[in-house]
Amino acid sequence: MAHKEETFDIEYCNVVLFVTGYYSPEEKMVMYNSDLSGYPGAPAEFGIDKIQCGRQDIMDLLSGSQLDEIEQLILNTYYDHEY
Protein backbone atom coordinates (compact mmCIF):
# COMPACT_ATOMS: atom_id res chain seq x y z
CA MET A 1 0.00 0.00 0.00
CA ALA A 2 1.45 3.38 -0.98
CA HIS A 3 1.62 5.98 1.74
CA LYS A 4 1.62 9.73 1.28
CA GLU A 5 4.80 11.57 2.14
CA GLU A 6 4.21 14.03 4.99
CA THR A 7 6.26 16.74 6.68
CA PHE A 8 5.90 17.62 10.36
CA ASP A 9 7.53 20.26 12.52
CA ILE A 10 8.72 19.04 15.89
CA GLU A 11 10.87 20.38 18.66
CA TYR A 12 13.79 18.13 19.49
CA CYS A 13 16.52 19.20 21.94
CA ASN A 14 15.07 22.74 21.89
CA VAL A 15 15.48 22.98 18.10
CA VAL A 16 12.60 23.06 15.61
CA LEU A 17 13.04 20.41 12.93
CA PHE A 18 11.03 19.69 9.79
CA VAL A 19 10.79 15.93 9.37
CA THR A 20 9.60 14.36 6.12
CA GLY A 21 8.68 10.71 5.80
CA TYR A 22 6.00 8.06 5.42
CA TYR A 23 3.55 6.68 8.00
CA SER A 24 2.63 3.00 8.10
CA PRO A 25 -0.29 2.21 10.41
CA GLU A 26 -0.27 -0.62 12.90
CA GLU A 27 -1.17 -4.06 11.53
CA LYS A 28 -3.25 -6.13 13.93
CA MET A 29 -2.29 -9.63 14.95
CA VAL A 30 -4.19 -12.50 13.27
CA MET A 31 -4.38 -15.57 15.45
CA TYR A 32 -5.40 -18.06 12.75
CA ASN A 33 -6.22 -17.89 9.05
CA SER A 34 -8.27 -20.60 7.33
CA ASP A 35 -5.06 -22.53 6.61
CA LEU A 36 -4.13 -22.36 10.34
CA SER A 37 -1.35 -19.86 9.72
CA GLY A 38 -1.26 -16.60 11.61
CA TYR A 39 0.36 -13.18 11.53
CA PRO A 40 2.10 -11.61 14.53
CA GLY A 41 1.15 -8.07 13.47
CA ALA A 42 3.40 -5.03 13.21
CA PRO A 43 3.62 -1.76 15.13
CA ALA A 44 2.94 1.60 13.50
CA GLU A 45 6.02 3.18 11.96
CA PHE A 46 7.14 6.53 10.63
CA GLY A 47 10.00 6.15 8.15
CA ILE A 48 12.10 9.30 7.99
CA ASP A 49 13.37 10.42 4.58
CA LYS A 50 14.66 13.90 5.46
CA ILE A 51 15.20 16.10 8.52
CA GLN A 52 15.71 19.79 7.93
CA CYS A 53 16.90 22.49 10.29
CA GLY A 54 16.55 25.80 8.53
CA ARG A 55 17.27 24.94 4.91
CA GLN A 56 19.84 22.24 5.68
CA ASP A 57 19.20 18.49 5.64
CA ILE A 58 20.79 17.28 8.89
CA MET A 59 19.71 13.64 8.82
CA ASP A 60 23.29 12.38 8.36
CA LEU A 61 24.38 14.29 11.47
CA LEU A 62 22.02 12.37 13.77
CA SER A 63 22.70 8.99 15.35
CA GLY A 64 20.44 5.97 14.93
CA SER A 65 19.10 6.36 18.47
CA GLN A 66 18.29 10.03 17.83
CA LEU A 67 16.43 9.09 14.64
CA ASP A 68 14.47 6.49 16.64
CA GLU A 69 13.57 9.13 19.25
CA ILE A 70 12.37 11.52 16.54
CA GLU A 71 10.27 8.78 14.90
CA GLN A 72 8.64 7.95 18.25
CA LEU A 73 8.04 11.65 18.94
CA ILE A 74 6.20 11.99 15.62
CA LEU A 75 4.11 8.86 16.27
CA ASN A 76 3.18 10.05 19.76
CA THR A 77 2.46 13.65 18.73
CA TYR A 78 0.74 13.32 15.36
CA TYR A 79 -0.65 9.79 15.30
CA ASP A 80 -1.71 9.33 18.94
CA HIS A 81 0.47 6.30 19.62
CA GLU A 82 2.07 5.62 22.97
CA TYR A 83 5.66 4.42 22.46
PDB file of N, CA and C in Angstrom:
ATOM      1  N   MET A   1       0.845  -1.182   0.000  1.00  0.00           N
ATOM      2  CA  MET A   1       0.000   0.000   0.000  1.00  0.00           C
ATOM      3  C   MET A   1       0.888   1.242   0.000  1.00  0.00           C
ATOM      4  N   ALA A   2       0.661   2.154  -0.898  1.00  0.00           N
ATOM      5  CA  ALA A   2       1.451   3.382  -0.979  1.00  0.00           C
ATOM      6  C   ALA A   2       0.978   4.369   0.082  1.00  0.00           C
ATOM      7  N   HIS A   3       1.927   5.005   0.708  1.00  0.00           N
ATOM      8  CA  HIS A   3       1.618   5.983   1.742  1.00  0.00           C
ATOM      9  C   HIS A   3       2.063   7.359   1.262  1.00  0.00           C
ATOM     10  N   LYS A   4       1.328   8.356   1.675  1.00  0.00           N
ATOM     11  CA  LYS A   4       1.617   9.728   1.276  1.00  0.00           C
ATOM     12  C   LYS A   4       2.786  10.275   2.107  1.00  0.00           C
ATOM     13  N   GLU A   5       3.702  10.927   1.441  1.00  0.00           N
ATOM     14  CA  GLU A   5       4.802  11.574   2.144  1.00  0.00           C
ATOM     15  C   GLU A   5       4.252  12.781   2.903  1.00  0.00           C
ATOM     16  N   GLU A   6       4.678  12.921   4.147  1.00  0.00           N
ATOM     17  CA  GLU A   6       4.206  14.026   4.986  1.00  0.00           C
ATOM     18  C   GLU A   6       5.385  14.706   5.661  1.00  0.00           C
ATOM     19  N   THR A   7       5.234  15.985   5.964  1.00  0.00           N
ATOM     20  CA  THR A   7       6.258  16.744   6.677  1.00  0.00           C
ATOM     21  C   THR A   7       5.645  17.312   7.950  1.00  0.00           C
ATOM     22  N   PHE A   8       6.355  17.135   9.049  1.00  0.00           N
ATOM     23  CA  PHE A   8       5.901  17.621  10.358  1.00  0.00           C
ATOM     24  C   PHE A   8       6.987  18.486  10.981  1.00  0.00           C
ATOM     25  N   ASP A   9       6.565  19.498  11.734  1.00  0.00           N
ATOM     26  CA  ASP A   9       7.528  20.261  12.519  1.00  0.00           C
ATOM     27  C   ASP A   9       7.456  19.765  13.954  1.00  0.00           C
ATOM     28  N   ILE A  10       8.626  19.482  14.505  1.00  0.00           N
ATOM     29  CA  ILE A  10       8.715  19.035  15.888  1.00  0.00           C
ATOM     30  C   ILE A  10       9.842  19.784  16.573  1.00  0.00           C
ATOM     31  N   GLU A  11       9.769  19.821  17.890  1.00  0.00           N
ATOM     32  CA  GLU A  11      10.870  20.384  18.664  1.00  0.00           C
ATOM     33  C   GLU A  11      11.639  19.225  19.277  1.00  0.00           C
ATOM     34  N   TYR A  12      12.917  19.177  18.982  1.00  0.00           N
ATOM     35  CA  TYR A  12      13.791  18.126  19.490  1.00  0.00           C
ATOM     36  C   TYR A  12      15.052  18.785  20.023  1.00  0.00           C
ATOM     37  N   CYS A  13      15.346  18.570  21.291  1.00  0.00           N
ATOM     38  CA  CYS A  13      16.515  19.196  21.944  1.00  0.00           C
ATOM     39  C   CYS A  13      16.477  20.716  21.793  1.00  0.00           C
ATOM     40  N   ASN A  14      15.291  21.290  21.964  1.00  0.00           N
ATOM     41  CA  ASN A  14      15.072  22.739  21.893  1.00  0.00           C
ATOM     42  C   ASN A  14      15.347  23.337  20.518  1.00  0.00           C
ATOM     43  N   VAL A  15      15.287  22.515  19.471  1.00  0.00           N
ATOM     44  CA  VAL A  15      15.481  22.979  18.098  1.00  0.00           C
ATOM     45  C   VAL A  15      14.277  22.524  17.277  1.00  0.00           C
ATOM     46  N   VAL A  16      13.713  23.429  16.481  1.00  0.00           N
ATOM     47  CA  VAL A  16      12.599  23.064  15.614  1.00  0.00           C
ATOM     48  C   VAL A  16      13.150  22.386  14.365  1.00  0.00           C
ATOM     49  N   LEU A  17      12.631  21.188  14.088  1.00  0.00           N
ATOM     50  CA  LEU A  17      13.036  20.409  12.929  1.00  0.00           C
ATOM     51  C   LEU A  17      11.831  20.159  12.042  1.00  0.00           C
ATOM     52  N   PHE A  18      12.067  20.055  10.754  1.00  0.00           N
ATOM     53  CA  PHE A  18      11.026  19.692   9.793  1.00  0.00           C
ATOM     54  C   PHE A  18      11.370  18.298   9.286  1.00  0.00           C
ATOM     55  N   VAL A  19      10.520  17.340   9.642  1.00  0.00           N
ATOM     56  CA  VAL A  19      10.788  15.933   9.372  1.00  0.00           C
ATOM     57  C   VAL A  19       9.823  15.440   8.296  1.00  0.00           C
ATOM     58  N   THR A  20      10.385  14.877   7.235  1.00  0.00           N
ATOM     59  CA  THR A  20       9.602  14.358   6.116  1.00  0.00           C
ATOM     60  C   THR A  20       9.759  12.845   6.069  1.00  0.00           C
ATOM     61  N   GLY A  21       8.629  12.156   5.891  1.00  0.00           N
ATOM     62  CA  GLY A  21       8.678  10.708   5.796  1.00  0.00           C
ATOM     63  C   GLY A  21       7.310  10.116   5.519  1.00  0.00           C
ATOM     64  N   TYR A  22       7.217   8.817   5.725  1.00  0.00           N
ATOM     65  CA  TYR A  22       5.999   8.060   5.420  1.00  0.00           C
ATOM     66  C   TYR A  22       5.505   7.338   6.662  1.00  0.00           C
ATOM     67  N   TYR A  23       4.195   7.363   6.877  1.00  0.00           N
ATOM     68  CA  TYR A  23       3.554   6.684   7.998  1.00  0.00           C
ATOM     69  C   TYR A  23       2.982   5.348   7.543  1.00  0.00           C
ATOM     70  N   SER A  24       3.249   4.314   8.313  1.00  0.00           N
ATOM     71  CA  SER A  24       2.634   2.996   8.102  1.00  0.00           C
ATOM     72  C   SER A  24       1.837   2.660   9.348  1.00  0.00           C
ATOM     73  N   PRO A  25       0.530   2.484   9.230  1.00  0.00           N
ATOM     74  CA  PRO A  25      -0.288   2.208  10.405  1.00  0.00           C
ATOM     75  C   PRO A  25      -0.001   0.825  10.987  1.00  0.00           C
ATOM     76  N   GLU A  26      -0.407   0.661  12.212  1.00  0.00           N
ATOM     77  CA  GLU A  26      -0.270  -0.624  12.899  1.00  0.00           C
ATOM     78  C   GLU A  26      -1.044  -1.705  12.143  1.00  0.00           C
ATOM     79  N   GLU A  27      -0.478  -2.901  12.104  1.00  0.00           N
ATOM     80  CA  GLU A  27      -1.169  -4.055  11.527  1.00  0.00           C
ATOM     81  C   GLU A  27      -1.513  -4.992  12.679  1.00  0.00           C
ATOM     82  N   LYS A  28      -2.769  -5.297  12.821  1.00  0.00           N
ATOM     83  CA  LYS A  28      -3.247  -6.126  13.934  1.00  0.00           C
ATOM     84  C   LYS A  28      -2.806  -7.578  13.781  1.00  0.00           C
ATOM     85  N   MET A  29      -2.642  -8.221  14.919  1.00  0.00           N
ATOM     86  CA  MET A  29      -2.288  -9.626  14.947  1.00  0.00           C
ATOM     87  C   MET A  29      -3.466 -10.469  14.468  1.00  0.00           C
ATOM     88  N   VAL A  30      -3.180 -11.533  13.703  1.00  0.00           N
ATOM     89  CA  VAL A  30      -4.188 -12.499  13.271  1.00  0.00           C
ATOM     90  C   VAL A  30      -3.813 -13.828  13.904  1.00  0.00           C
ATOM     91  N   MET A  31      -4.694 -14.322  14.765  1.00  0.00           N
ATOM     92  CA  MET A  31      -4.380 -15.573  15.454  1.00  0.00           C
ATOM     93  C   MET A  31      -4.327 -16.747  14.478  1.00  0.00           C
ATOM     94  N   TYR A  32      -5.373 -16.933  13.679  1.00  0.00           N
ATOM     95  CA  TYR A  32      -5.401 -18.058  12.746  1.00  0.00           C
ATOM     96  C   TYR A  32      -6.133 -17.672  11.476  1.00  0.00           C
ATOM     97  N   ASN A  33      -5.539 -17.995  10.340  1.00  0.00           N
ATOM     98  CA  ASN A  33      -6.217 -17.891   9.053  1.00  0.00           C
ATOM     99  C   ASN A  33      -6.883 -19.239   8.783  1.00  0.00           C
ATOM    100  N   SER A  34      -7.586 -19.344   7.666  1.00  0.00           N
ATOM    101  CA  SER A  34      -8.270 -20.599   7.332  1.00  0.00           C
ATOM    102  C   SER A  34      -7.295 -21.757   7.139  1.00  0.00           C
ATOM    103  N   ASP A  35      -6.053 -21.453   6.781  1.00  0.00           N
ATOM    104  CA  ASP A  35      -5.060 -22.529   6.607  1.00  0.00           C
ATOM    105  C   ASP A  35      -4.250 -22.770   7.889  1.00  0.00           C
ATOM    106  N   LEU A  36      -4.734 -22.233   9.010  1.00  0.00           N
ATOM    107  CA  LEU A  36      -4.133 -22.356  10.341  1.00  0.00           C
ATOM    108  C   LEU A  36      -2.818 -21.594  10.492  1.00  0.00           C
ATOM    109  N   SER A  37      -2.504 -20.741   9.538  1.00  0.00           N
ATOM    110  CA  SER A  37      -1.354 -19.864   9.721  1.00  0.00           C
ATOM    111  C   SER A  37      -1.828 -18.611  10.459  1.00  0.00           C
ATOM    112  N   GLY A  38      -0.919 -17.833  10.918  1.00  0.00           N
ATOM    113  CA  GLY A  38      -1.261 -16.595  11.609  1.00  0.00           C
ATOM    114  C   GLY A  38      -0.327 -15.481  11.185  1.00  0.00           C
ATOM    115  N   TYR A  39      -0.501 -14.330  11.806  1.00  0.00           N
ATOM    116  CA  TYR A  39       0.356 -13.185  11.529  1.00  0.00           C
ATOM    117  C   TYR A  39       0.575 -12.450  12.842  1.00  0.00           C
ATOM    118  N   PRO A  40       1.835 -12.228  13.226  1.00  0.00           N
ATOM    119  CA  PRO A  40       2.097 -11.613  14.529  1.00  0.00           C
ATOM    120  C   PRO A  40       1.754 -10.128  14.608  1.00  0.00           C
ATOM    121  N   GLY A  41       1.453  -9.500  13.472  1.00  0.00           N
ATOM    122  CA  GLY A  41       1.153  -8.068  13.467  1.00  0.00           C
ATOM    123  C   GLY A  41       2.425  -7.248  13.378  1.00  0.00           C
ATOM    124  N   ALA A  42       2.258  -5.939  13.298  1.00  0.00           N
ATOM    125  CA  ALA A  42       3.400  -5.027  13.209  1.00  0.00           C
ATOM    126  C   ALA A  42       3.006  -3.694  13.827  1.00  0.00           C
ATOM    127  N   PRO A  43       3.937  -3.061  14.536  1.00  0.00           N
ATOM    128  CA  PRO A  43       3.621  -1.756  15.125  1.00  0.00           C
ATOM    129  C   PRO A  43       3.565  -0.669  14.059  1.00  0.00           C
ATOM    130  N   ALA A  44       2.941   0.440  14.387  1.00  0.00           N
ATOM    131  CA  ALA A  44       2.940   1.601  13.499  1.00  0.00           C
ATOM    132  C   ALA A  44       4.371   2.105  13.367  1.00  0.00           C
ATOM    133  N   GLU A  45       4.683   2.662  12.209  1.00  0.00           N
ATOM    134  CA  GLU A  45       6.020   3.184  11.959  1.00  0.00           C
ATOM    135  C   GLU A  45       5.942   4.511  11.223  1.00  0.00           C
ATOM    136  N   PHE A  46       6.952   5.336  11.446  1.00  0.00           N
ATOM    137  CA  PHE A  46       7.139   6.527  10.627  1.00  0.00           C
ATOM    138  C   PHE A  46       8.562   6.447  10.087  1.00  0.00           C
ATOM    139  N   GLY A  47       8.691   6.256   8.785  1.00  0.00           N
ATOM    140  CA  GLY A  47      10.002   6.148   8.149  1.00  0.00           C
ATOM    141  C   GLY A  47      10.485   7.512   7.700  1.00  0.00           C
ATOM    142  N   ILE A  48      11.575   7.962   8.285  1.00  0.00           N
ATOM    143  CA  ILE A  48      12.101   9.299   7.987  1.00  0.00           C
ATOM    144  C   ILE A  48      12.909   9.280   6.700  1.00  0.00           C
ATOM    145  N   ASP A  49      12.609  10.239   5.814  1.00  0.00           N
ATOM    146  CA  ASP A  49      13.372  10.424   4.580  1.00  0.00           C
ATOM    147  C   ASP A  49      14.308  11.627   4.666  1.00  0.00           C
ATOM    148  N   LYS A  50      13.878  12.656   5.414  1.00  0.00           N
ATOM    149  CA  LYS A  50      14.657  13.896   5.461  1.00  0.00           C
ATOM    150  C   LYS A  50      14.346  14.635   6.754  1.00  0.00           C
ATOM    151  N   ILE A  51      15.371  15.241   7.348  1.00  0.00           N
ATOM    152  CA  ILE A  51      15.200  16.104   8.516  1.00  0.00           C
ATOM    153  C   ILE A  51      15.908  17.413   8.212  1.00  0.00           C
ATOM    154  N   GLN A  52      15.142  18.488   8.233  1.00  0.00           N
ATOM    155  CA  GLN A  52      15.713  19.795   7.934  1.00  0.00           C
ATOM    156  C   GLN A  52      15.699  20.695   9.157  1.00  0.00           C
ATOM    157  N   CYS A  53      16.783  21.433   9.291  1.00  0.00           N
ATOM    158  CA  CYS A  53      16.896  22.491  10.289  1.00  0.00           C
ATOM    159  C   CYS A  53      17.268  23.729   9.492  1.00  0.00           C
ATOM    160  N   GLY A  54      16.359  24.689   9.456  1.00  0.00           N
ATOM    161  CA  GLY A  54      16.551  25.801   8.530  1.00  0.00           C
ATOM    162  C   GLY A  54      16.388  25.241   7.128  1.00  0.00           C
ATOM    163  N   ARG A  55      17.333  25.479   6.275  1.00  0.00           N
ATOM    164  CA  ARG A  55      17.273  24.939   4.907  1.00  0.00           C
ATOM    165  C   ARG A  55      18.218  23.761   4.709  1.00  0.00           C
ATOM    166  N   GLN A  56      18.847  23.311   5.774  1.00  0.00           N
ATOM    167  CA  GLN A  56      19.836  22.242   5.677  1.00  0.00           C
ATOM    168  C   GLN A  56      19.246  20.894   6.060  1.00  0.00           C
ATOM    169  N   ASP A  57      19.567  19.859   5.289  1.00  0.00           N
ATOM    170  CA  ASP A  57      19.195  18.489   5.639  1.00  0.00           C
ATOM    171  C   ASP A  57      20.258  17.978   6.619  1.00  0.00           C
ATOM    172  N   ILE A  58      19.843  17.683   7.845  1.00  0.00           N
ATOM    173  CA  ILE A  58      20.786  17.281   8.889  1.00  0.00           C
ATOM    174  C   ILE A  58      20.662  15.808   9.261  1.00  0.00           C
ATOM    175  N   MET A  59      19.953  15.040   8.469  1.00  0.00           N
ATOM    176  CA  MET A  59      19.708  13.643   8.816  1.00  0.00           C
ATOM    177  C   MET A  59      21.011  12.867   9.041  1.00  0.00           C
ATOM    178  N   ASP A  60      22.024  13.101   8.220  1.00  0.00           N
ATOM    179  CA  ASP A  60      23.288  12.377   8.355  1.00  0.00           C
ATOM    180  C   ASP A  60      24.078  12.773   9.605  1.00  0.00           C
ATOM    181  N   LEU A  61      23.688  13.856  10.255  1.00  0.00           N
ATOM    182  CA  LEU A  61      24.380  14.294  11.468  1.00  0.00           C
ATOM    183  C   LEU A  61      23.829  13.636  12.734  1.00  0.00           C
ATOM    184  N   LEU A  62      22.682  12.962  12.610  1.00  0.00           N
ATOM    185  CA  LEU A  62      22.019  12.372  13.770  1.00  0.00           C
ATOM    186  C   LEU A  62      22.339  10.887  13.876  1.00  0.00           C
ATOM    187  N   SER A  63      22.424  10.407  15.111  1.00  0.00           N
ATOM    188  CA  SER A  63      22.697   8.985  15.349  1.00  0.00           C
ATOM    189  C   SER A  63      21.427   8.162  15.148  1.00  0.00           C
ATOM    190  N   GLY A  64      21.585   6.866  15.070  1.00  0.00           N
ATOM    191  CA  GLY A  64      20.438   5.967  14.932  1.00  0.00           C
ATOM    192  C   GLY A  64      19.474   6.089  16.093  1.00  0.00           C
ATOM    193  N   SER A  65      19.994   6.233  17.307  1.00  0.00           N
ATOM    194  CA  SER A  65      19.104   6.361  18.470  1.00  0.00           C
ATOM    195  C   SER A  65      18.354   7.690  18.450  1.00  0.00           C
ATOM    196  N   GLN A  66      18.985   8.748  17.945  1.00  0.00           N
ATOM    197  CA  GLN A  66      18.290  10.032  17.826  1.00  0.00           C
ATOM    198  C   GLN A  66      17.188   9.951  16.779  1.00  0.00           C
ATOM    199  N   LEU A  67      17.455   9.267  15.669  1.00  0.00           N
ATOM    200  CA  LEU A  67      16.426   9.087  14.640  1.00  0.00           C
ATOM    201  C   LEU A  67      15.250   8.299  15.203  1.00  0.00           C
ATOM    202  N   ASP A  68      15.537   7.265  16.004  1.00  0.00           N
ATOM    203  CA  ASP A  68      14.471   6.491  16.641  1.00  0.00           C
ATOM    204  C   ASP A  68      13.630   7.366  17.565  1.00  0.00           C
ATOM    205  N   GLU A  69      14.293   8.221  18.349  1.00  0.00           N
ATOM    206  CA  GLU A  69      13.566   9.126  19.252  1.00  0.00           C
ATOM    207  C   GLU A  69      12.663  10.069  18.465  1.00  0.00           C
ATOM    208  N   ILE A  70      13.150  10.593  17.364  1.00  0.00           N
ATOM    209  CA  ILE A  70      12.366  11.518  16.538  1.00  0.00           C
ATOM    210  C   ILE A  70      11.177  10.790  15.922  1.00  0.00           C
ATOM    211  N   GLU A  71      11.385   9.564  15.445  1.00  0.00           N
ATOM    212  CA  GLU A  71      10.270   8.776  14.904  1.00  0.00           C
ATOM    213  C   GLU A  71       9.199   8.554  15.967  1.00  0.00           C
ATOM    214  N   GLN A  72       9.611   8.179  17.177  1.00  0.00           N
ATOM    215  CA  GLN A  72       8.642   7.955  18.251  1.00  0.00           C
ATOM    216  C   GLN A  72       7.929   9.249  18.633  1.00  0.00           C
ATOM    217  N   LEU A  73       8.642  10.356  18.634  1.00  0.00           N
ATOM    218  CA  LEU A  73       8.036  11.654  18.942  1.00  0.00           C
ATOM    219  C   LEU A  73       6.950  11.993  17.928  1.00  0.00           C
ATOM    220  N   ILE A  74       7.202  11.731  16.659  1.00  0.00           N
ATOM    221  CA  ILE A  74       6.197  11.986  15.620  1.00  0.00           C
ATOM    222  C   ILE A  74       4.991  11.076  15.806  1.00  0.00           C
ATOM    223  N   LEU A  75       5.228   9.786  16.054  1.00  0.00           N
ATOM    224  CA  LEU A  75       4.105   8.864  16.265  1.00  0.00           C
ATOM    225  C   LEU A  75       3.270   9.277  17.465  1.00  0.00           C
ATOM    226  N   ASN A  76       3.908   9.667  18.547  1.00  0.00           N
ATOM    227  CA  ASN A  76       3.184  10.054  19.764  1.00  0.00           C
ATOM    228  C   ASN A  76       2.446  11.375  19.594  1.00  0.00           C
ATOM    229  N   THR A  77       3.036  12.314  18.865  1.00  0.00           N
ATOM    230  CA  THR A  77       2.459  13.651  18.730  1.00  0.00           C
ATOM    231  C   THR A  77       1.375  13.725  17.659  1.00  0.00           C
ATOM    232  N   TYR A  78       1.633  13.140  16.500  1.00  0.00           N
ATOM    233  CA  TYR A  78       0.741  13.323  15.363  1.00  0.00           C
ATOM    234  C   TYR A  78      -0.182  12.138  15.086  1.00  0.00           C
ATOM    235  N   TYR A  79       0.156  10.976  15.591  1.00  0.00           N
ATOM    236  CA  TYR A  79      -0.654   9.792  15.300  1.00  0.00           C
ATOM    237  C   TYR A  79      -1.237   9.152  16.546  1.00  0.00           C
ATOM    238  N   ASP A  80      -1.088   9.780  17.696  1.00  0.00           N
ATOM    239  CA  ASP A  80      -1.710   9.333  18.941  1.00  0.00           C
ATOM    240  C   ASP A  80      -1.323   7.902  19.320  1.00  0.00           C
ATOM    241  N   HIS A  81      -0.039   7.592  19.172  1.00  0.00           N
ATOM    242  CA  HIS A  81       0.474   6.304  19.624  1.00  0.00           C
ATOM    243  C   HIS A  81       1.236   6.543  20.913  1.00  0.00           C
ATOM    244  N   GLU A  82       1.325   5.526  21.727  1.00  0.00           N
ATOM    245  CA  GLU A  82       2.074   5.619  22.974  1.00  0.00           C
ATOM    246  C   GLU A  82       3.273   4.678  22.911  1.00  0.00           C
ATOM    247  N   TYR A  83       4.426   5.211  22.506  1.00  0.00           N
ATOM    248  CA  TYR A  83       5.660   4.423  22.459  1.00  0.00           C
ATOM    249  C   TYR A  83       6.666   5.025  23.387  1.00  0.00           C
TER     250      TYR A  83
END
